[in-house]
Protein backbone atom coordinates (compact mmCIF):
# COMPACT_ATOMS: atom_id res chain seq x y z
CA UNK A 1 44.47 -157.97 -78.71
CA UNK A 2 45.37 -158.96 -82.24
CA UNK A 3 44.18 -157.78 -85.66
CA UNK A 4 41.58 -160.56 -85.97
CA UNK A 5 38.89 -158.68 -84.07
CA UNK A 6 35.27 -159.84 -84.32
CA UNK A 7 32.92 -157.59 -86.24
CA UNK A 8 30.83 -155.50 -83.83
CA UNK A 9 27.30 -156.71 -83.33
CA UNK A 10 25.01 -155.55 -86.12
CA UNK A 11 27.83 -154.22 -88.30
CA UNK A 12 28.15 -154.92 -91.97
CA UNK A 13 30.79 -157.33 -93.14
CA UNK A 14 34.02 -155.71 -94.29
CA UNK A 15 34.56 -155.41 -98.00
CA UNK A 16 36.99 -157.90 -99.53
CA UNK A 17 40.52 -156.68 -100.07
CA UNK A 18 41.15 -155.22 -103.51
CA UNK A 19 44.01 -156.22 -105.76
CA UNK A 20 47.03 -153.92 -105.79
CA UNK A 21 46.05 -152.60 -109.22
CA UNK A 22 42.45 -151.95 -108.20
CA UNK A 23 43.52 -150.36 -104.92
CA UNK A 24 45.96 -148.08 -106.70
CA UNK A 25 43.30 -146.93 -109.14
CA UNK A 26 40.81 -146.40 -106.32
CA UNK A 27 43.40 -144.41 -104.35
CA UNK A 28 44.10 -142.15 -107.33
CA UNK A 29 40.40 -141.57 -107.99
CA UNK A 30 39.70 -140.70 -104.36
CA UNK A 31 42.67 -138.38 -104.08
CA UNK A 32 41.67 -136.70 -107.34
CA UNK A 33 38.23 -135.90 -105.91
CA UNK A 34 39.84 -134.15 -102.96
CA UNK A 35 42.30 -132.23 -105.14
CA UNK A 36 39.56 -131.26 -107.60
CA UNK A 37 37.67 -129.70 -104.70
CA UNK A 38 40.77 -127.82 -103.55
CA UNK A 39 41.36 -126.46 -107.06
CA UNK A 40 37.66 -125.47 -107.34
CA UNK A 41 37.09 -127.97 -110.14
CA UNK A 42 33.95 -130.09 -110.30
CA UNK A 43 34.79 -133.62 -109.05
CA UNK A 44 33.04 -136.66 -110.49
CA UNK A 45 31.01 -136.84 -107.27
CA UNK A 46 30.88 -135.34 -103.79
CA UNK A 47 33.71 -136.80 -101.69
CA UNK A 48 33.17 -137.85 -98.09
CA UNK A 49 35.82 -138.00 -95.36
CA UNK A 50 36.11 -140.20 -92.29
CA UNK A 51 37.55 -138.60 -89.16
CA UNK A 52 37.06 -140.15 -85.72
CA UNK A 53 38.81 -140.45 -82.39
CA UNK A 54 37.12 -142.13 -79.41
CA UNK A 55 34.13 -143.18 -81.53
CA UNK A 56 36.40 -145.97 -82.74
CA UNK A 57 36.23 -147.48 -79.23
CA UNK A 58 32.44 -147.71 -79.53
CA UNK A 59 32.75 -149.19 -83.01
CA UNK A 60 35.36 -151.73 -81.93
CA UNK A 61 33.78 -152.67 -78.61
CA UNK A 62 36.77 -151.68 -76.45
CA UNK A 63 37.42 -148.96 -73.87
CA UNK A 64 38.79 -145.55 -74.76
CA UNK A 65 41.89 -146.37 -72.74
CA UNK A 66 42.50 -149.53 -74.77
CA UNK A 67 42.16 -147.48 -77.92
CA UNK A 68 44.96 -145.21 -76.72
CA UNK A 69 47.28 -147.96 -75.48
CA UNK A 70 46.74 -151.06 -77.66
CA UNK A 71 48.42 -150.32 -80.98
CA UNK A 72 47.38 -153.50 -82.74
CA UNK A 73 43.74 -153.32 -81.67
CA UNK A 74 43.48 -149.67 -82.73
CA UNK A 75 44.98 -150.38 -86.14
CA UNK A 76 42.63 -153.29 -86.68
CA UNK A 77 39.54 -151.31 -85.68
CA UNK A 78 40.51 -148.32 -87.84
CA UNK A 79 41.23 -150.60 -90.80
CA UNK A 80 37.91 -152.36 -90.43
CA UNK A 81 36.08 -149.02 -90.34
CA UNK A 82 37.74 -147.98 -93.62
CA UNK A 83 36.76 -151.20 -95.32
CA UNK A 84 33.16 -150.89 -94.15
CA UNK A 85 32.52 -147.20 -94.82
CA UNK A 86 34.75 -146.74 -97.89
CA UNK A 87 35.43 -143.00 -97.50
CA UNK A 88 37.26 -140.94 -100.08
CA UNK A 89 39.84 -140.01 -97.44
CA UNK A 90 40.42 -140.50 -93.74
CA UNK A 91 42.31 -138.85 -90.95
CA UNK A 92 45.56 -140.38 -89.67
CA UNK A 93 43.44 -142.38 -87.25
CA UNK A 94 46.13 -144.23 -85.31
CA UNK A 95 48.35 -141.16 -84.96
CA UNK A 96 45.34 -139.20 -83.71
CA UNK A 97 44.42 -141.54 -80.88
CA UNK A 98 47.00 -144.19 -79.89
CA UNK A 99 49.29 -141.81 -78.00
CA UNK A 100 48.67 -143.05 -74.43
CA UNK A 101 52.01 -144.78 -73.93
CA UNK A 102 53.94 -141.82 -75.37
CA UNK A 103 52.10 -139.25 -73.27
CA UNK A 104 52.76 -141.33 -70.17
CA UNK A 105 56.43 -141.80 -71.03
CA UNK A 106 57.05 -138.08 -71.41
CA UNK A 107 55.10 -137.22 -68.27
CA UNK A 108 52.78 -134.87 -70.14
CA UNK A 109 51.08 -132.39 -67.80
CA UNK A 110 48.76 -130.33 -70.04
CA UNK A 111 46.29 -133.11 -70.72
CA UNK A 112 44.26 -135.77 -68.96
CA UNK A 113 43.33 -138.83 -70.98
CA UNK A 114 41.35 -142.06 -70.50
CA UNK A 115 42.64 -143.88 -67.44
CA UNK A 116 45.05 -141.03 -66.68
CA UNK A 117 43.24 -138.30 -64.75
CA UNK A 118 39.79 -139.23 -66.09
CA UNK A 119 37.83 -142.47 -66.34
CA UNK A 120 38.77 -145.18 -68.82
CA UNK A 121 35.86 -144.24 -71.09
CA UNK A 122 36.12 -140.46 -70.81
CA UNK A 123 37.76 -138.35 -73.54
CA UNK A 124 40.70 -135.96 -73.38
CA UNK A 125 40.53 -133.07 -70.91
CA UNK A 126 42.89 -130.19 -71.62
CA UNK A 127 44.15 -128.34 -68.53
CA UNK A 128 43.91 -124.63 -69.33
CA UNK A 129 46.56 -122.99 -67.16
CA UNK A 130 49.12 -120.21 -67.30
CA UNK A 131 52.24 -121.94 -68.61
CA UNK A 132 54.01 -118.63 -69.30
CA UNK A 133 53.68 -115.69 -66.93
CA UNK A 134 52.96 -112.18 -68.25
CA UNK A 135 56.32 -110.90 -67.02
CA UNK A 136 58.06 -113.58 -69.13
CA UNK A 137 57.13 -112.10 -72.53
CA UNK A 138 60.47 -110.32 -72.77
CA UNK A 139 62.39 -113.48 -71.91
CA UNK A 140 60.58 -115.45 -74.59
CA UNK A 141 60.95 -112.72 -77.20
CA UNK A 142 64.68 -112.37 -76.55
CA UNK A 143 65.50 -116.10 -76.58
CA UNK A 144 62.60 -118.45 -77.44
CA UNK A 145 64.81 -121.55 -77.46
CA UNK A 146 66.28 -120.81 -74.06
CA UNK A 147 62.84 -120.13 -72.63
CA UNK A 148 61.59 -123.43 -74.05
CA UNK A 149 64.45 -125.45 -72.60
CA UNK A 150 64.66 -123.95 -69.13
CA UNK A 151 61.11 -122.81 -68.41
CA UNK A 152 58.39 -124.10 -70.72
CA UNK A 153 59.32 -127.75 -71.28
CA UNK A 154 59.86 -128.49 -67.56
CA UNK A 155 56.43 -127.00 -66.85
CA UNK A 156 54.53 -129.11 -69.39
CA UNK A 157 56.35 -132.47 -69.37
CA UNK A 158 57.91 -134.28 -66.44
CA UNK A 159 60.69 -135.78 -68.54
CA UNK A 160 62.15 -132.27 -69.00
CA UNK A 161 62.04 -131.18 -65.36
CA UNK A 162 65.83 -131.36 -65.00
CA UNK A 163 66.29 -128.90 -67.85
CA UNK A 164 65.70 -125.99 -65.52
CA UNK A 165 69.31 -126.62 -64.39
CA UNK A 166 70.79 -126.26 -67.87
CA UNK A 167 73.26 -123.43 -68.50
CA UNK A 168 72.36 -120.28 -70.36
CA UNK A 169 73.65 -121.24 -73.81
CA UNK A 170 73.99 -117.84 -75.54
CA UNK A 171 77.41 -116.59 -74.52
CA UNK A 172 79.07 -119.98 -74.11
CA UNK A 173 82.30 -119.83 -76.09
CA UNK A 174 85.97 -120.80 -75.89
CA UNK A 175 86.87 -121.91 -72.32
CA UNK A 176 83.42 -120.95 -71.09
CA UNK A 177 82.23 -124.09 -72.87
CA UNK A 178 84.12 -126.12 -70.26
CA UNK A 179 82.48 -124.50 -67.27
CA UNK A 180 79.12 -124.37 -69.06
CA UNK A 181 78.79 -128.10 -69.59
CA UNK A 182 79.25 -128.88 -65.88
CA UNK A 183 75.45 -128.68 -65.58
CA UNK A 184 75.11 -131.85 -67.64
CA UNK A 185 76.72 -133.83 -64.79
CA UNK A 186 73.99 -132.86 -62.35
CA UNK A 187 71.69 -135.77 -61.36
CA UNK A 188 68.50 -133.97 -62.38
CA UNK A 189 69.79 -133.16 -65.87
CA UNK A 190 71.09 -136.69 -66.39
CA UNK A 191 67.80 -138.18 -65.24
CA UNK A 192 65.89 -135.95 -67.67
CA UNK A 193 68.01 -137.09 -70.59
CA UNK A 194 67.47 -140.74 -69.65
CA UNK A 195 63.70 -140.18 -69.44
CA UNK A 196 63.66 -138.32 -72.76
CA UNK A 197 65.55 -141.12 -74.53
CA UNK A 198 63.13 -143.71 -73.13
CA UNK A 199 60.17 -141.55 -74.14
CA UNK A 200 61.61 -141.03 -77.62
CA UNK A 201 61.90 -144.79 -78.05
CA UNK A 202 58.21 -145.16 -77.20
CA UNK A 203 57.30 -142.35 -79.60
CA UNK A 204 59.27 -144.18 -82.29
CA UNK A 205 57.16 -147.28 -81.69
CA UNK A 206 54.02 -145.16 -81.79
CA UNK A 207 55.13 -143.54 -85.05
CA UNK A 208 55.86 -146.96 -86.52
CA UNK A 209 52.35 -148.19 -85.79
CA UNK A 210 50.85 -144.96 -87.17
CA UNK A 211 52.87 -145.39 -90.36
CA UNK A 212 51.82 -149.03 -90.60
CA UNK A 213 48.16 -147.97 -90.55
CA UNK A 214 48.80 -145.41 -93.28
CA UNK A 215 50.36 -148.13 -95.44
CA UNK A 216 47.45 -150.48 -94.77
CA UNK A 217 44.99 -147.73 -95.73
CA UNK A 218 46.92 -146.97 -98.90
CA UNK A 219 47.06 -150.66 -99.72
CA UNK A 220 43.26 -150.73 -99.64
CA UNK A 221 43.03 -147.58 -101.78
CA UNK A 222 42.36 -144.93 -99.12
CA UNK A 223 44.38 -141.68 -98.90
CA UNK A 224 44.80 -139.54 -95.81
CA UNK A 225 42.87 -136.27 -95.81
CA UNK A 226 45.86 -134.68 -94.06
CA UNK A 227 49.40 -135.64 -93.15
CA UNK A 228 50.08 -133.40 -90.14
CA UNK A 229 48.45 -130.80 -87.91
CA UNK A 230 49.50 -127.21 -87.25
CA UNK A 231 48.29 -124.34 -85.06
CA UNK A 232 47.54 -120.66 -85.58
CA UNK A 233 49.91 -118.21 -83.83
CA UNK A 234 47.16 -116.76 -81.62
CA UNK A 235 45.88 -120.17 -80.55
CA UNK A 236 49.44 -121.34 -79.95
CA UNK A 237 49.96 -118.60 -77.37
CA UNK A 238 46.45 -118.59 -75.89
CA UNK A 239 46.09 -122.35 -75.50
CA UNK A 240 49.58 -123.52 -74.65
CA UNK A 241 51.34 -120.58 -72.99
CA UNK A 242 49.16 -117.88 -71.48
CA UNK A 243 45.86 -119.72 -70.90
CA UNK A 244 42.41 -118.32 -71.62
CA UNK A 245 42.27 -115.76 -68.79
CA UNK A 246 45.83 -114.57 -69.28
CA UNK A 247 45.43 -114.16 -73.03
CA UNK A 248 42.22 -112.15 -72.74
CA UNK A 249 43.96 -109.79 -70.32
CA UNK A 250 46.95 -109.50 -72.63
CA UNK A 251 44.75 -108.05 -75.38
CA UNK A 252 44.62 -104.94 -73.19
CA UNK A 253 47.57 -105.13 -70.79
CA UNK A 254 50.34 -106.53 -73.01
CA UNK A 255 49.11 -105.49 -76.45
CA UNK A 256 52.44 -104.60 -78.05
CA UNK A 257 54.36 -107.57 -76.65
CA UNK A 258 51.57 -109.90 -77.72
CA UNK A 259 51.67 -108.54 -81.27
CA UNK A 260 55.45 -108.99 -81.33
CA UNK A 261 55.16 -112.56 -80.07
CA UNK A 262 52.43 -113.35 -82.63
CA UNK A 263 54.67 -112.12 -85.42
CA UNK A 264 57.62 -114.19 -84.19
CA UNK A 265 55.47 -117.28 -83.69
CA UNK A 266 54.13 -117.03 -87.24
CA UNK A 267 57.69 -117.47 -88.50
CA UNK A 268 58.85 -120.46 -86.46
CA UNK A 269 55.47 -122.21 -86.62
CA UNK A 270 55.50 -121.87 -90.41
CA UNK A 271 59.01 -123.33 -90.64
CA UNK A 272 58.05 -126.25 -88.43
CA UNK A 273 54.83 -126.89 -90.37
CA UNK A 274 56.53 -126.90 -93.76
CA UNK A 275 59.23 -129.30 -92.54
CA UNK A 276 56.83 -131.78 -90.93
CA UNK A 277 54.33 -131.66 -93.79
CA UNK A 278 57.02 -132.35 -96.38
CA UNK A 279 58.31 -135.23 -94.26
CA UNK A 280 54.79 -136.70 -94.15
CA UNK A 281 54.51 -136.74 -97.95
CA UNK A 282 50.98 -135.30 -97.74
CA UNK A 283 50.44 -131.61 -98.67
CA UNK A 284 47.23 -131.08 -96.68
CA UNK A 285 47.78 -129.53 -93.24
CA UNK A 286 44.94 -129.61 -90.71
CA UNK A 287 44.79 -126.57 -88.42
CA UNK A 288 42.26 -126.77 -85.56
CA UNK A 289 41.09 -123.23 -84.80
CA UNK A 290 40.08 -122.48 -81.22
CA UNK A 291 39.99 -118.72 -80.66
CA UNK A 292 38.60 -117.34 -83.94
CA UNK A 293 34.84 -117.87 -83.27
CA UNK A 294 32.51 -114.88 -83.24
CA UNK A 295 31.86 -115.10 -79.50
CA UNK A 296 35.50 -114.90 -78.39
CA UNK A 297 36.59 -111.47 -79.62
CA UNK A 298 35.32 -108.43 -81.47
CA UNK A 299 35.77 -108.08 -85.25
CA UNK A 300 38.38 -105.38 -84.63
CA UNK A 301 40.35 -107.62 -82.26
CA UNK A 302 40.11 -110.49 -84.74
CA UNK A 303 41.42 -108.31 -87.55
CA UNK A 304 44.21 -106.93 -85.34
CA UNK A 305 45.47 -109.90 -83.37
CA UNK A 306 44.15 -113.15 -84.81
CA UNK A 307 43.93 -112.94 -88.59
CA UNK A 308 47.16 -111.18 -89.75
CA UNK A 309 49.70 -113.64 -88.30
CA UNK A 310 47.54 -116.61 -89.36
CA UNK A 311 47.11 -115.28 -92.89
CA UNK A 312 50.90 -114.87 -93.01
CA UNK A 313 51.20 -118.57 -92.15
CA UNK A 314 48.57 -119.56 -94.74
CA UNK A 315 50.37 -117.68 -97.50
CA UNK A 316 53.68 -119.23 -96.47
CA UNK A 317 52.23 -122.74 -96.58
CA UNK A 318 50.64 -122.10 -99.97
CA UNK A 319 53.92 -120.75 -101.33
CA UNK A 320 55.60 -123.95 -100.11
CA UNK A 321 53.10 -126.05 -102.08
CA UNK A 322 50.98 -127.10 -99.12
CA UNK A 323 47.19 -127.05 -98.76
CA UNK A 324 46.10 -125.42 -95.48
CA UNK A 325 42.91 -126.89 -93.99
CA UNK A 326 41.76 -124.81 -91.02
CA UNK A 327 38.99 -126.31 -88.91
CA UNK A 328 36.97 -123.25 -87.89
CA UNK A 329 35.42 -124.40 -84.62
CA UNK A 330 32.10 -123.06 -83.26
CA UNK A 331 30.35 -120.29 -85.23
CA UNK A 332 32.56 -118.09 -87.40
CA UNK A 333 29.83 -116.46 -89.49
CA UNK A 334 31.08 -112.94 -88.75
CA UNK A 335 34.57 -113.85 -89.96
CA UNK A 336 33.66 -115.08 -93.45
CA UNK A 337 34.31 -111.83 -95.34
CA UNK A 338 37.68 -111.41 -93.64
CA UNK A 339 38.96 -114.97 -94.07
CA UNK A 340 38.15 -115.04 -97.80
CA UNK A 341 41.33 -112.99 -98.32
CA UNK A 342 43.43 -115.92 -99.52
CA UNK A 343 44.48 -117.05 -103.02
CA UNK A 344 41.64 -118.94 -104.75
CA UNK A 345 41.87 -122.70 -105.15
CA UNK A 346 44.53 -123.32 -102.51
CA UNK A 347 42.75 -124.11 -99.22
CA UNK A 348 40.09 -126.26 -97.59
CA UNK A 349 37.99 -124.54 -94.94
CA UNK A 350 36.37 -127.01 -92.54
CA UNK A 351 33.50 -125.49 -90.54
CA UNK A 352 32.07 -126.95 -87.35
CA UNK A 353 28.91 -124.87 -86.76
CA UNK A 354 28.99 -122.09 -89.34
CA UNK A 355 26.11 -122.40 -91.80
CA UNK A 356 27.69 -124.07 -94.84
CA UNK A 357 25.12 -122.59 -97.22
CA UNK A 358 26.15 -119.13 -96.08
CA UNK A 359 29.84 -120.13 -96.17
CA UNK A 360 29.39 -121.25 -99.77
CA UNK A 361 27.78 -117.94 -100.71
CA UNK A 362 30.74 -115.98 -99.34
CA UNK A 363 33.66 -118.36 -99.91
CA UNK A 364 32.58 -120.68 -102.72
CA UNK A 365 34.79 -119.00 -105.33
CA UNK A 366 37.84 -119.02 -103.05
CA UNK A 367 38.12 -122.24 -101.02
CA UNK A 368 36.84 -125.79 -100.86
CA UNK A 369 34.53 -126.51 -97.93
CA UNK A 370 34.42 -129.42 -95.50
CA UNK A 371 31.78 -130.42 -92.97
CA UNK A 372 29.47 -130.14 -91.18
CA UNK A 373 26.82 -132.61 -90.09
CA UNK A 374 25.44 -131.58 -86.72
CA UNK A 375 26.66 -133.50 -83.65
CA UNK A 376 23.13 -133.46 -82.24
CA UNK A 377 21.76 -135.06 -85.39
CA UNK A 378 24.54 -137.65 -85.43
CA UNK A 379 24.21 -138.57 -81.74
CA UNK A 380 20.49 -138.25 -81.00
CA UNK A 381 18.82 -138.27 -84.43
CA UNK A 382 17.59 -141.26 -86.38
CA UNK A 383 19.19 -142.71 -89.48
CA UNK A 384 16.49 -140.90 -91.47
CA UNK A 385 17.48 -137.60 -89.81
CA UNK A 386 21.09 -138.19 -90.82
CA UNK A 387 20.01 -138.96 -94.37
CA UNK A 388 18.09 -135.67 -94.59
CA UNK A 389 21.01 -133.69 -93.14
CA UNK A 390 23.34 -135.12 -95.79
CA UNK A 391 20.78 -134.40 -98.48
CA UNK A 392 20.48 -130.79 -97.33
CA UNK A 393 24.23 -130.20 -97.65
CA UNK A 394 24.47 -132.03 -100.97
CA UNK A 395 21.56 -130.16 -102.55
CA UNK A 396 22.29 -126.72 -101.14
CA UNK A 397 26.08 -126.65 -101.27
CA UNK A 398 27.63 -129.31 -103.51
CA UNK A 399 24.95 -129.28 -106.23
CA UNK A 400 24.94 -125.48 -106.14
CA UNK A 401 28.57 -125.40 -107.21
CA UNK A 402 30.23 -125.70 -103.81
CA UNK A 403 33.32 -127.87 -103.66
CA UNK A 404 32.20 -129.77 -100.58
CA UNK A 405 33.99 -132.59 -98.79
CA UNK A 406 31.24 -134.06 -96.63
CA UNK A 407 32.08 -134.77 -92.99
CA UNK A 408 30.73 -134.31 -89.51
CA UNK A 409 31.16 -131.03 -87.67
CA UNK A 410 34.39 -132.19 -86.02
CA UNK A 411 34.68 -135.81 -87.01
CA UNK A 412 32.29 -138.50 -85.82
CA UNK A 413 31.10 -137.62 -82.27
CA UNK A 414 32.12 -140.20 -79.69
CA UNK A 415 28.50 -141.04 -78.74
CA UNK A 416 27.22 -141.55 -82.29
CA UNK A 417 25.30 -144.82 -82.84
CA UNK A 418 27.07 -146.96 -85.41
CA UNK A 419 23.92 -147.13 -87.54
CA UNK A 420 23.98 -143.34 -87.91
CA UNK A 421 27.51 -143.45 -89.28
CA UNK A 422 26.37 -146.08 -91.77
CA UNK A 423 23.46 -143.81 -92.68
CA UNK A 424 25.87 -140.92 -93.25
CA UNK A 425 28.02 -142.83 -95.72
CA UNK A 426 25.03 -144.40 -97.47
CA UNK A 427 23.46 -140.95 -97.92
CA UNK A 428 26.76 -139.51 -99.12
CA UNK A 429 26.74 -142.04 -101.95
CA UNK A 430 23.04 -141.60 -102.58
CA UNK A 431 23.23 -137.82 -103.06
CA UNK A 432 26.80 -137.54 -104.35
CA UNK A 433 26.19 -137.47 -108.09
């Protein structure tokens, strides 16, 4: 497909392209609204963000698989959505969704995606498994890099499977370097390097298309709401290493080793986040939060295991001049008093299901808020229902002094009728002032 896609049936015509001067002024005004919210200043009106993944396939009239594999079609659809809805900021839409070719090239094992493990119009399915065994804590803690190379990467991506034959690098010195590098002549190691180079070339193409979309968006006057994503230390271990069952057992069976690993992870994850965020040129870092919700652990466990290493990361990002933007998934009402312990005017807290009125009461003098139109309203409600939901948040949060960036609970749900998204943005403008 090419960029000249037809407008979906019933959709509004795209707005005409603005001049460079007008687009630059619009970009600055939109970005200022976001930054005013972060700094707890009153913006000129309530900003609204646009974040979507597979909903773009519905909007563009293509399959979810095409959205992941057809770079040009995805860029064109995402660009058309920006021009129609005119948000104050958007997610890095192409980078978020057009990763099919790269995932396939690296032989990624932790995820199923449209046309690869699930149907062509089904969304991502994460495979929650034990990618690090409980007896391997000591090995990871002693040498994280070695564990990554020889154990973890071969388990999660086929391109790295030959790396389990690599030498143990710590201790290689002098003439031992000669005997150590013999492993690189093994067929499995050589094949892995060839696959990794080929995969890296595909990722470079993917990154180029993602950057092209960002430039197109900027050229029309639309900033990104975030440049990169990060992860909390607890979620990093629970989701990607130990798995749900293993992690819940570790709270009791491997308590001390888990705390040690959380502390170590908070350091290297922070370093990685600062480096990638600075390279992106955007200070806002989105952090999807999976294991913090009220239902997953007791307040004591949250305050012992989850919050301290994450707060350490937040403070490190703030010190580096970044703006952390955690997305608190599910209901985190019982966490509000604890998570307000951050410097005022430095963060955006995006809530999926937590009552935003209550969040404003507890956090309104500390952080900007983002969210959180209900998925059920967006997918099964009428346009009038969406209008009333926006009005509720505007009147009870933004117009009560809350620095609210309006959005859906976790971006636009995949099944949302297009007319409901139009109703959301129309209501955002109607009740913004």
